[in-house]
Amino acid sequence: MPHNYTTDQYEGMIAETITINGANGDAINTYFARPLGDGPFPAMVLIHHLPGWDELYRDFTRKFAHHGYLAISPDLYHRFGHGTPDDVAAKARGEGGAPDDQVVADMSAAAAYIRSLPYSNGKVGVFGTCSGGRHAFLCACRSTSFDAAVECWGGRVVQAEDDRPPQQPVAPIDYTADLSCPLLGLFGAEDASPTPEQVEQHEQALKDAGKDYEFHMYEGAGHGFFYYDRGAYRQEQAVDGWNKLFDFIGKHLS
């Protein structure tokens, strides 16, 4: 939930790179930010987008901590080596990306780690944008580790039969019946992945399965409208989206 600021309030956080054990016990680099204090605090797992584990996701991680959440963002591409986020992401894409099974296991491990901390309130949400939005929905369906999920313009939740590489053998929409927590979806009406038609298909599957969800479609916005470092940024839509996001996770995690 957003802060109600007063001039005499105390603020502080710790933000650092740590290592956690992910899928198959692999040690993976992770960015972790938390408010100072005893808590207990709710928590968020952040799944980075296709461009990689970049500065933007460090900022998003600190933003959640600033709003009173334990926030953890694992490097999904850790196993592809190290370098600039652009170079590592290009290598990951060239090798077909991170396998879905591995992503689910990495994120479930991150949730278990953050839930185990003495200043956790025991509730954990998952957030992702772009491919990370797809992964957030996938993790919320294939794992019971999360109490709320935020999917921002998740591309390829809806996948054609001829668009299912070995790393992604099942379209996330096919797991809709297994969604294990409330879902918030934020989308741009001018996006090409997902298109508004694909979002409608996604929403219909949720309705048919009787799931707890809310979707918001923003006119005048396309893919990545939260990304303040890119031309896709849309200030009005982004501010409203963040407000809806914090209202949603505040209701389900606090």
Foldseek 3Di string as FASTA:
>chain_A
DADPDDPPDDWDKDWDWDWFQFPPRDTFIKIKMATDDLALFAAEEEEEALLFDAPVVSVVQVVVRRRGHTYMYTGLLVVQDDDHSNVSSVSQVVVPHAALVRLLRRRLRVLVVVLPDSSHPNAYEYEYFACRLQSQLLNQLPDLSHAEYERELHFQLPPDCVGADPSRNDRVLVSLLRRNYEYEYEAECAEVGPHPVVVVVSVVSNVVSVGHYDYDYDYPAYGPCLPPVDPRHDVVSNVVVVVVVCVVCVVRGD
